[in-house]
Amino acid sequence: MAQVEYQGNKIIFNDIVNENFIIEVRDYLKSLDNAIFDLSNCKDLHTAILQIVVVFKALKSGEFILPDEDFAFKKAILGFDICENDIN
């Protein structure tokens, strides 16, 4: 199983996703207007990738499929409120 898999507008993150995928994920998202981020099998997500996916959701359209466990990246995603941020 690859750490990051791409299926149309769905990006699947598996296990531990490190900084080696920052550019790849960013470049893939450039062609999308909306994305589904499947993190259900992810155990750790590099903070730069976390920033990319959260900002993508705020600027375009995104949906998260989150793991059952309370990993730090899950708490960050659930705690991010675009109403508190001026990113336009």
PDB file of N, CA and C in Angstrom:
ATOM      1  N   MET A   1       0.846  -1.178   0.000  1.00  0.00           N
ATOM      2  CA  MET A   1       0.000   0.000   0.000  1.00  0.00           C
ATOM      3  C   MET A   1       0.895   1.245   0.000  1.00  0.00           C
ATOM      4  N   ALA A   2       0.651   2.118  -0.948  1.00  0.00           N
ATOM      5  CA  ALA A   2       1.413   3.366  -1.045  1.00  0.00           C
ATOM      6  C   ALA A   2       0.988   4.323   0.068  1.00  0.00           C
ATOM      7  N   GLN A   3       1.898   5.212   0.461  1.00  0.00           N
ATOM      8  CA  GLN A   3       1.560   6.186   1.493  1.00  0.00           C
ATOM      9  C   GLN A   3       0.501   7.170   1.009  1.00  0.00           C
ATOM     10  N   VAL A   4       0.547   7.521  -0.269  1.00  0.00           N
ATOM     11  CA  VAL A   4      -0.439   8.425  -0.854  1.00  0.00           C
ATOM     12  C   VAL A   4      -0.914   7.813  -2.164  1.00  0.00           C
ATOM     13  N   GLU A   5      -2.236   7.725  -2.323  1.00  0.00           N
ATOM     14  CA  GLU A   5      -2.832   7.194  -3.548  1.00  0.00           C
ATOM     15  C   GLU A   5      -3.796   8.236  -4.110  1.00  0.00           C
ATOM     16  N   TYR A   6      -3.856   8.311  -5.429  1.00  0.00           N
ATOM     17  CA  TYR A   6      -4.707   9.289  -6.109  1.00  0.00           C
ATOM     18  C   TYR A   6      -5.739   8.554  -6.951  1.00  0.00           C
ATOM     19  N   GLN A   7      -7.012   8.860  -6.719  1.00  0.00           N
ATOM     20  CA  GLN A   7      -8.113   8.255  -7.472  1.00  0.00           C
ATOM     21  C   GLN A   7      -9.087   9.363  -7.858  1.00  0.00           C
ATOM     22  N   GLY A   8      -8.873   9.965  -9.006  1.00  0.00           N
ATOM     23  CA  GLY A   8      -9.727  11.081  -9.424  1.00  0.00           C
ATOM     24  C   GLY A   8      -9.569  12.244  -8.468  1.00  0.00           C
ATOM     25  N   ASN A   9     -10.681  12.675  -7.856  1.00  0.00           N
ATOM     26  CA  ASN A   9     -10.600  13.792  -6.910  1.00  0.00           C
ATOM     27  C   ASN A   9     -10.389  13.317  -5.468  1.00  0.00           C
ATOM     28  N   LYS A  10     -10.109  12.036  -5.302  1.00  0.00           N
ATOM     29  CA  LYS A  10      -9.893  11.475  -3.968  1.00  0.00           C
ATOM     30  C   LYS A  10      -8.401  11.211  -3.752  1.00  0.00           C
ATOM     31  N   ILE A  11      -7.903  11.695  -2.614  1.00  0.00           N
ATOM     32  CA  ILE A  11      -6.527  11.428  -2.217  1.00  0.00           C
ATOM     33  C   ILE A  11      -6.584  10.596  -0.940  1.00  0.00           C
ATOM     34  N   ILE A  12      -5.945   9.446  -0.993  1.00  0.00           N
ATOM     35  CA  ILE A  12      -5.948   8.520   0.135  1.00  0.00           C
ATOM     36  C   ILE A  12      -4.576   8.569   0.805  1.00  0.00           C
ATOM     37  N   PHE A  13      -4.579   8.883   2.089  1.00  0.00           N
ATOM     38  CA  PHE A  13      -3.348   8.937   2.873  1.00  0.00           C
ATOM     39  C   PHE A  13      -3.296   7.701   3.768  1.00  0.00           C
ATOM     40  N   ASN A  14      -2.188   6.961   3.686  1.00  0.00           N
ATOM     41  CA  ASN A  14      -2.036   5.724   4.451  1.00  0.00           C
ATOM     42  C   ASN A  14      -0.832   5.792   5.379  1.00  0.00           C
ATOM     43  N   ASP A  15      -0.996   5.230   6.556  1.00  0.00           N
ATOM     44  CA  ASP A  15       0.088   5.053   7.513  1.00  0.00           C
ATOM     45  C   ASP A  15       0.722   6.396   7.887  1.00  0.00           C
ATOM     46  N   ILE A  16       2.021   6.524   7.735  1.00  0.00           N
ATOM     47  CA  ILE A  16       2.731   7.754   8.086  1.00  0.00           C
ATOM     48  C   ILE A  16       3.101   8.475   6.797  1.00  0.00           C
ATOM     49  N   VAL A  17       2.560   9.673   6.616  1.00  0.00           N
ATOM     50  CA  VAL A  17       2.806  10.451   5.400  1.00  0.00           C
ATOM     51  C   VAL A  17       3.789  11.563   5.760  1.00  0.00           C
ATOM     52  N   ASN A  18       5.004  11.455   5.216  1.00  0.00           N
ATOM     53  CA  ASN A  18       6.061  12.395   5.579  1.00  0.00           C
ATOM     54  C   ASN A  18       6.205  13.518   4.556  1.00  0.00           C
ATOM     55  N   GLU A  19       7.234  14.338   4.747  1.00  0.00           N
ATOM     56  CA  GLU A  19       7.442  15.520   3.917  1.00  0.00           C
ATOM     57  C   GLU A  19       7.793  15.207   2.471  1.00  0.00           C
ATOM     58  N   ASN A  20       8.117  13.972   2.157  1.00  0.00           N
ATOM     59  CA  ASN A  20       8.454  13.607   0.776  1.00  0.00           C
ATOM     60  C   ASN A  20       7.281  13.779  -0.186  1.00  0.00           C
ATOM     61  N   PHE A  21       6.081  13.942   0.335  1.00  0.00           N
ATOM     62  CA  PHE A  21       4.886  14.019  -0.507  1.00  0.00           C
ATOM     63  C   PHE A  21       4.322  15.433  -0.646  1.00  0.00           C
ATOM     64  N   ILE A  22       4.974  16.421  -0.067  1.00  0.00           N
ATOM     65  CA  ILE A  22       4.451  17.793  -0.067  1.00  0.00           C
ATOM     66  C   ILE A  22       4.220  18.309  -1.488  1.00  0.00           C
ATOM     67  N   ILE A  23       5.226  18.288  -2.321  1.00  0.00           N
ATOM     68  CA  ILE A  23       5.136  18.831  -3.680  1.00  0.00           C
ATOM     69  C   ILE A  23       4.162  18.016  -4.520  1.00  0.00           C
ATOM     70  N   GLU A  24       4.221  16.710  -4.377  1.00  0.00           N
ATOM     71  CA  GLU A  24       3.343  15.819  -5.139  1.00  0.00           C
ATOM     72  C   GLU A  24       1.869  16.103  -4.846  1.00  0.00           C
ATOM     73  N   VAL A  25       1.518  16.214  -3.568  1.00  0.00           N
ATOM     74  CA  VAL A  25       0.129  16.490  -3.176  1.00  0.00           C
ATOM     75  C   VAL A  25      -0.282  17.882  -3.653  1.00  0.00           C
ATOM     76  N   ARG A  26       0.571  18.866  -3.435  1.00  0.00           N
ATOM     77  CA  ARG A  26       0.270  20.238  -3.872  1.00  0.00           C
ATOM     78  C   ARG A  26       0.012  20.299  -5.371  1.00  0.00           C
ATOM     79  N   ASP A  27       0.881  19.684  -6.144  1.00  0.00           N
ATOM     80  CA  ASP A  27       0.736  19.715  -7.598  1.00  0.00           C
ATOM     81  C   ASP A  27      -0.514  18.982  -8.062  1.00  0.00           C
ATOM     82  N   TYR A  28      -0.861  17.888  -7.415  1.00  0.00           N
ATOM     83  CA  TYR A  28      -2.069  17.148  -7.782  1.00  0.00           C
ATOM     84  C   TYR A  28      -3.313  17.998  -7.520  1.00  0.00           C
ATOM     85  N   LEU A  29      -3.322  18.710  -6.410  1.00  0.00           N
ATOM     86  CA  LEU A  29      -4.484  19.527  -6.057  1.00  0.00           C
ATOM     87  C   LEU A  29      -4.680  20.718  -6.987  1.00  0.00           C
ATOM     88  N   LYS A  30      -3.635  21.164  -7.650  1.00  0.00           N
ATOM     89  CA  LYS A  30      -3.747  22.312  -8.551  1.00  0.00           C
ATOM     90  C   LYS A  30      -4.769  22.087  -9.658  1.00  0.00           C
ATOM     91  N   SER A  31      -4.976  20.845 -10.051  1.00  0.00           N
ATOM     92  CA  SER A  31      -5.896  20.552 -11.153  1.00  0.00           C
ATOM     93  C   SER A  31      -7.325  20.291 -10.681  1.00  0.00           C
ATOM     94  N   LEU A  32      -7.566  20.335  -9.380  1.00  0.00           N
ATOM     95  CA  LEU A  32      -8.882  19.990  -8.841  1.00  0.00           C
ATOM     96  C   LEU A  32      -9.640  21.214  -8.340  1.00  0.00           C
ATOM     97  N   ASP A  33     -10.973  21.149  -8.446  1.00  0.00           N
ATOM     98  CA  ASP A  33     -11.840  22.166  -7.850  1.00  0.00           C
ATOM     99  C   ASP A  33     -12.398  21.698  -6.515  1.00  0.00           C
ATOM    100  N   ASN A  34     -12.471  20.396  -6.340  1.00  0.00           N
ATOM    101  CA  ASN A  34     -12.895  19.827  -5.063  1.00  0.00           C
ATOM    102  C   ASN A  34     -12.136  18.528  -4.844  1.00  0.00           C
ATOM    103  N   ALA A  35     -12.019  18.149  -3.588  1.00  0.00           N
ATOM    104  CA  ALA A  35     -11.249  16.950  -3.269  1.00  0.00           C
ATOM    105  C   ALA A  35     -11.831  16.255  -2.051  1.00  0.00           C
ATOM    106  N   ILE A  36     -11.636  14.958  -2.030  1.00  0.00           N
ATOM    107  CA  ILE A  36     -11.958  14.145  -0.863  1.00  0.00           C
ATOM    108  C   ILE A  36     -10.626  13.673  -0.301  1.00  0.00           C
ATOM    109  N   PHE A  37     -10.384  13.976   0.956  1.00  0.00           N
ATOM    110  CA  PHE A  37      -9.150  13.583   1.623  1.00  0.00           C
ATOM    111  C   PHE A  37      -9.467  12.418   2.552  1.00  0.00           C
ATOM    112  N   ASP A  38      -9.078  11.221   2.139  1.00  0.00           N
ATOM    113  CA  ASP A  38      -9.344  10.019   2.934  1.00  0.00           C
ATOM    114  C   ASP A  38      -8.159   9.766   3.856  1.00  0.00           C
ATOM    115  N   LEU A  39      -8.354  10.073   5.110  1.00  0.00           N
ATOM    116  CA  LEU A  39      -7.323   9.902   6.131  1.00  0.00           C
ATOM    117  C   LEU A  39      -7.659   8.754   7.076  1.00  0.00           C
ATOM    118  N   SER A  40      -8.611   7.925   6.696  1.00  0.00           N
ATOM    119  CA  SER A  40      -9.095   6.874   7.588  1.00  0.00           C
ATOM    120  C   SER A  40      -8.024   5.858   7.967  1.00  0.00           C
ATOM    121  N   ASN A  41      -7.013   5.675   7.121  1.00  0.00           N
ATOM    122  CA  ASN A  41      -5.927   4.733   7.422  1.00  0.00           C
ATOM    123  C   ASN A  41      -4.612   5.442   7.728  1.00  0.00           C
ATOM    124  N   CYS A  42      -4.682   6.741   7.965  1.00  0.00           N
ATOM    125  CA  CYS A  42      -3.479   7.536   8.222  1.00  0.00           C
ATOM    126  C   CYS A  42      -3.197   7.563   9.725  1.00  0.00           C
ATOM    127  N   LYS A  43      -1.921   7.421  10.070  1.00  0.00           N
ATOM    128  CA  LYS A  43      -1.520   7.465  11.476  1.00  0.00           C
ATOM    129  C   LYS A  43      -0.801   8.763  11.830  1.00  0.00           C
ATOM    130  N   ASP A  44      -0.163   9.365  10.844  1.00  0.00           N
ATOM    131  CA  ASP A  44       0.529  10.632  11.071  1.00  0.00           C
ATOM    132  C   ASP A  44       0.636  11.369   9.741  1.00  0.00           C
ATOM    133  N   LEU A  45       0.422  12.667   9.776  1.00  0.00           N
ATOM    134  CA  LEU A  45       0.426  13.496   8.575  1.00  0.00           C
ATOM    135  C   LEU A  45       1.362  14.677   8.809  1.00  0.00           C
ATOM    136  N   HIS A  46       2.333  14.842   7.942  1.00  0.00           N
ATOM    137  CA  HIS A  46       3.287  15.948   8.084  1.00  0.00           C
ATOM    138  C   HIS A  46       2.522  17.270   8.117  1.00  0.00           C
ATOM    139  N   THR A  47       2.968  18.192   8.948  1.00  0.00           N
ATOM    140  CA  THR A  47       2.226  19.448   9.136  1.00  0.00           C
ATOM    141  C   THR A  47       2.124  20.278   7.864  1.00  0.00           C
ATOM    142  N   ALA A  48       3.103  20.211   6.981  1.00  0.00           N
ATOM    143  CA  ALA A  48       3.014  20.964   5.718  1.00  0.00           C
ATOM    144  C   ALA A  48       1.887  20.421   4.843  1.00  0.00           C
ATOM    145  N   ILE A  49       1.707  19.112   4.830  1.00  0.00           N
ATOM    146  CA  ILE A  49       0.608  18.516   4.059  1.00  0.00           C
ATOM    147  C   ILE A  49      -0.719  18.849   4.721  1.00  0.00           C
ATOM    148  N   LEU A  50      -0.738  18.844   6.034  1.00  0.00           N
ATOM    149  CA  LEU A  50      -1.939  19.248   6.767  1.00  0.00           C
ATOM    150  C   LEU A  50      -2.347  20.666   6.375  1.00  0.00           C
ATOM    151  N   GLN A  51      -1.393  21.576   6.302  1.00  0.00           N
ATOM    152  CA  GLN A  51      -1.686  22.955   5.899  1.00  0.00           C
ATOM    153  C   GLN A  51      -2.239  23.010   4.479  1.00  0.00           C
ATOM    154  N   ILE A  52      -1.649  22.259   3.582  1.00  0.00           N
ATOM    155  CA  ILE A  52      -2.091  22.263   2.185  1.00  0.00           C
ATOM    156  C   ILE A  52      -3.540  21.813   2.071  1.00  0.00           C
ATOM    157  N   VAL A  53      -3.903  20.723   2.741  1.00  0.00           N
ATOM    158  CA  VAL A  53      -5.266  20.197   2.575  1.00  0.00           C
ATOM    159  C   VAL A  53      -6.302  21.081   3.266  1.00  0.00           C
ATOM    160  N   VAL A  54      -5.954  21.655   4.411  1.00  0.00           N
ATOM    161  CA  VAL A  54      -6.903  22.529   5.109  1.00  0.00           C
ATOM    162  C   VAL A  54      -7.126  23.820   4.319  1.00  0.00           C
ATOM    163  N   VAL A  55      -6.066  24.393   3.780  1.00  0.00           N
ATOM    164  CA  VAL A  55      -6.207  25.611   2.977  1.00  0.00           C
ATOM    165  C   VAL A  55      -6.958  25.311   1.686  1.00  0.00           C
ATOM    166  N   PHE A  56      -6.703  24.153   1.078  1.00  0.00           N
ATOM    167  CA  PHE A  56      -7.442  23.772  -0.128  1.00  0.00           C
ATOM    168  C   PHE A  56      -8.939  23.739   0.167  1.00  0.00           C
ATOM    169  N   LYS A  57      -9.307  23.121   1.282  1.00  0.00           N
ATOM    170  CA  LYS A  57     -10.725  23.046   1.647  1.00  0.00           C
ATOM    171  C   LYS A  57     -11.305  24.442   1.846  1.00  0.00           C
ATOM    172  N   ALA A  58     -10.540  25.331   2.448  1.00  0.00           N
ATOM    173  CA  ALA A  58     -11.031  26.686   2.702  1.00  0.00           C
ATOM    174  C   ALA A  58     -11.179  27.495   1.417  1.00  0.00           C
ATOM    175  N   LEU A  59     -10.257  27.332   0.482  1.00  0.00           N
ATOM    176  CA  LEU A  59     -10.273  28.129  -0.747  1.00  0.00           C
ATOM    177  C   LEU A  59     -11.131  27.523  -1.852  1.00  0.00           C
ATOM    178  N   LYS A  60     -11.207  26.224  -1.888  1.00  0.00           N
ATOM    179  CA  LYS A  60     -11.975  25.547  -2.939  1.00  0.00           C
ATOM    180  C   LYS A  60     -13.073  24.735  -2.278  1.00  0.00           C
ATOM    181  N   SER A  61     -12.985  23.425  -2.333  1.00  0.00           N
ATOM    182  CA  SER A  61     -13.990  22.576  -1.710  1.00  0.00           C
ATOM    183  C   SER A  61     -13.345  21.250  -1.349  1.00  0.00           C
ATOM    184  N   GLY A  62     -13.543  20.827  -0.127  1.00  0.00           N
ATOM    185  CA  GLY A  62     -12.944  19.577   0.303  1.00  0.00           C
ATOM    186  C   GLY A  62     -13.763  18.885   1.366  1.00  0.00           C
ATOM    187  N   GLU A  63     -13.586  17.586   1.424  1.00  0.00           N
ATOM    188  CA  GLU A  63     -14.262  16.755   2.417  1.00  0.00           C
ATOM    189  C   GLU A  63     -13.215  15.841   3.032  1.00  0.00           C
ATOM    190  N   PHE A  64     -13.313  15.630   4.342  1.00  0.00           N
ATOM    191  CA  PHE A  64     -12.365  14.770   5.035  1.00  0.00           C
ATOM    192  C   PHE A  64     -13.042  13.493   5.507  1.00  0.00           C
ATOM    193  N   ILE A  65     -12.388  12.377   5.281  1.00  0.00           N
ATOM    194  CA  ILE A  65     -12.762  11.103   5.883  1.00  0.00           C
ATOM    195  C   ILE A  65     -11.686  10.843   6.929  1.00  0.00           C
ATOM    196  N   LEU A  66     -12.063  10.931   8.189  1.00  0.00           N
ATOM    197  CA  LEU A  66     -11.090  10.913   9.276  1.00  0.00           C
ATOM    198  C   LEU A  66     -11.017   9.548   9.962  1.00  0.00           C
ATOM    199  N   PRO A  67      -9.877   9.267  10.602  1.00  0.00           N
ATOM    200  CA  PRO A  67      -9.741   8.008  11.338  1.00  0.00           C
ATOM    201  C   PRO A  67     -10.554   8.058  12.628  1.00  0.00           C
ATOM    202  N   ASP A  68     -10.810   6.899  13.198  1.00  0.00           N
ATOM    203  CA  ASP A  68     -11.515   6.842  14.476  1.00  0.00           C
ATOM    204  C   ASP A  68     -10.625   7.321  15.627  1.00  0.00           C
ATOM    205  N   GLU A  69      -9.327   7.066  15.521  1.00  0.00           N
ATOM    206  CA  GLU A  69      -8.392   7.453  16.570  1.00  0.00           C
ATOM    207  C   GLU A  69      -8.230   8.971  16.616  1.00  0.00           C
ATOM    208  N   ASP A  70      -7.890   9.479  17.797  1.00  0.00           N
ATOM    209  CA  ASP A  70      -7.709  10.927  17.973  1.00  0.00           C
ATOM    210  C   ASP A  70      -6.259  11.336  17.752  1.00  0.00           C
ATOM    211  N   PHE A  71      -5.796  11.224  16.516  1.00  0.00           N
ATOM    212  CA  PHE A  71      -4.449  11.667  16.186  1.00  0.00           C
ATOM    213  C   PHE A  71      -4.415  13.193  16.177  1.00  0.00           C
ATOM    214  N   ALA A  72      -3.221  13.760  16.336  1.00  0.00           N
ATOM    215  CA  ALA A  72      -3.070  15.219  16.385  1.00  0.00           C
ATOM    216  C   ALA A  72      -3.598  15.890  15.121  1.00  0.00           C
ATOM    217  N   PHE A  73      -3.335  15.308  13.940  1.00  0.00           N
ATOM    218  CA  PHE A  73      -3.807  15.939  12.702  1.00  0.00           C
ATOM    219  C   PHE A  73      -5.328  15.965  12.635  1.00  0.00           C
ATOM    220  N   LYS A  74      -5.987  14.969  13.205  1.00  0.00           N
ATOM    221  CA  LYS A  74      -7.460  14.949  13.228  1.00  0.00           C
ATOM    222  C   LYS A  74      -7.977  16.101  14.092  1.00  0.00           C
ATOM    223  N   LYS A  75      -7.359  16.298  15.236  1.00  0.00           N
ATOM    224  CA  LYS A  75      -7.768  17.396  16.115  1.00  0.00           C
ATOM    225  C   LYS A  75      -7.560  18.746  15.439  1.00  0.00           C
ATOM    226  N   ALA A  76      -6.470  18.880  14.691  1.00  0.00           N
ATOM    227  CA  ALA A  76      -6.195  20.137  13.981  1.00  0.00           C
ATOM    228  C   ALA A  76      -7.244  20.396  12.904  1.00  0.00           C
ATOM    229  N   ILE A  77      -7.608  19.361  12.157  1.00  0.00           N
ATOM    230  CA  ILE A  77      -8.616  19.507  11.098  1.00  0.00           C
ATOM    231  C   ILE A  77      -9.968  19.876  11.694  1.00  0.00           C
ATOM    232  N   LEU A  78     -10.365  19.179  12.739  1.00  0.00           N
ATOM    233  CA  LEU A  78     -11.664  19.449  13.363  1.00  0.00           C
ATOM    234  C   LEU A  78     -11.692  20.807  14.055  1.00  0.00           C
ATOM    235  N   GLY A  79     -10.539  21.296  14.489  1.00  0.00           N
ATOM    236  CA  GLY A  79     -10.472  22.576  15.186  1.00  0.00           C
ATOM    237  C   GLY A  79     -10.278  23.771  14.280  1.00  0.00           C
ATOM    238  N   PHE A  80     -10.053  23.529  12.990  1.00  0.00           N
ATOM    239  CA  PHE A  80      -9.810  24.628  12.056  1.00  0.00           C
ATOM    240  C   PHE A  80     -11.132  25.251  11.640  1.00  0.00           C
ATOM    241  N   ASP A  81     -11.263  26.540  11.862  1.00  0.00           N
ATOM    242  CA  ASP A  81     -12.488  27.259  11.521  1.00  0.00           C
ATOM    243  C   ASP A  81     -12.131  28.380  10.557  1.00  0.00           C
ATOM    244  N   ILE A  82     -12.582  28.261   9.302  1.00  0.00           N
ATOM    245  CA  ILE A  82     -12.219  29.279   8.312  1.00  0.00           C
ATOM    246  C   ILE A  82     -12.829  30.633   8.633  1.00  0.00           C
ATOM    247  N   CYS A  83     -13.842  30.673   9.479  1.00  0.00           N
ATOM    248  CA  CYS A  83     -14.446  31.949   9.858  1.00  0.00           C
ATOM    249  C   CYS A  83     -13.471  32.798  10.672  1.00  0.00           C
ATOM    250  N   GLU A  84     -12.501  32.157  11.310  1.00  0.00           N
ATOM    251  CA  GLU A  84     -11.535  32.873  12.134  1.00  0.00           C
ATOM    252  C   GLU A  84     -10.322  33.324  11.339  1.00  0.00           C
ATOM    253  N   ASN A  85     -10.273  32.987  10.065  1.00  0.00           N
ATOM    254  CA  ASN A  85      -9.085  33.264   9.264  1.00  0.00           C
ATOM    255  C   ASN A  85      -9.451  34.035   8.010  1.00  0.00           C
ATOM    256  N   ASP A  86      -8.681  35.055   7.709  1.00  0.00           N
ATOM    257  CA  ASP A  86      -8.868  35.813   6.481  1.00  0.00           C
ATOM    258  C   ASP A  86      -7.804  35.351   5.495  1.00  0.00           C
ATOM    259  N   ILE A  87      -8.173  34.421   4.609  1.00  0.00           N
ATOM    260  CA  ILE A  87      -7.195  33.859   3.684  1.00  0.00           C
ATOM    261  C   ILE A  87      -7.448  34.282   2.249  1.00  0.00           C
ATOM    262  N   ASN A  88      -8.415  35.137   2.026  1.00  0.00           N
ATOM    263  CA  ASN A  88      -8.693  35.587   0.657  1.00  0.00           C
ATOM    264  C   ASN A  88      -7.891  36.803   0.308  1.00  0.00           C
TER     265      ASN A  88
END
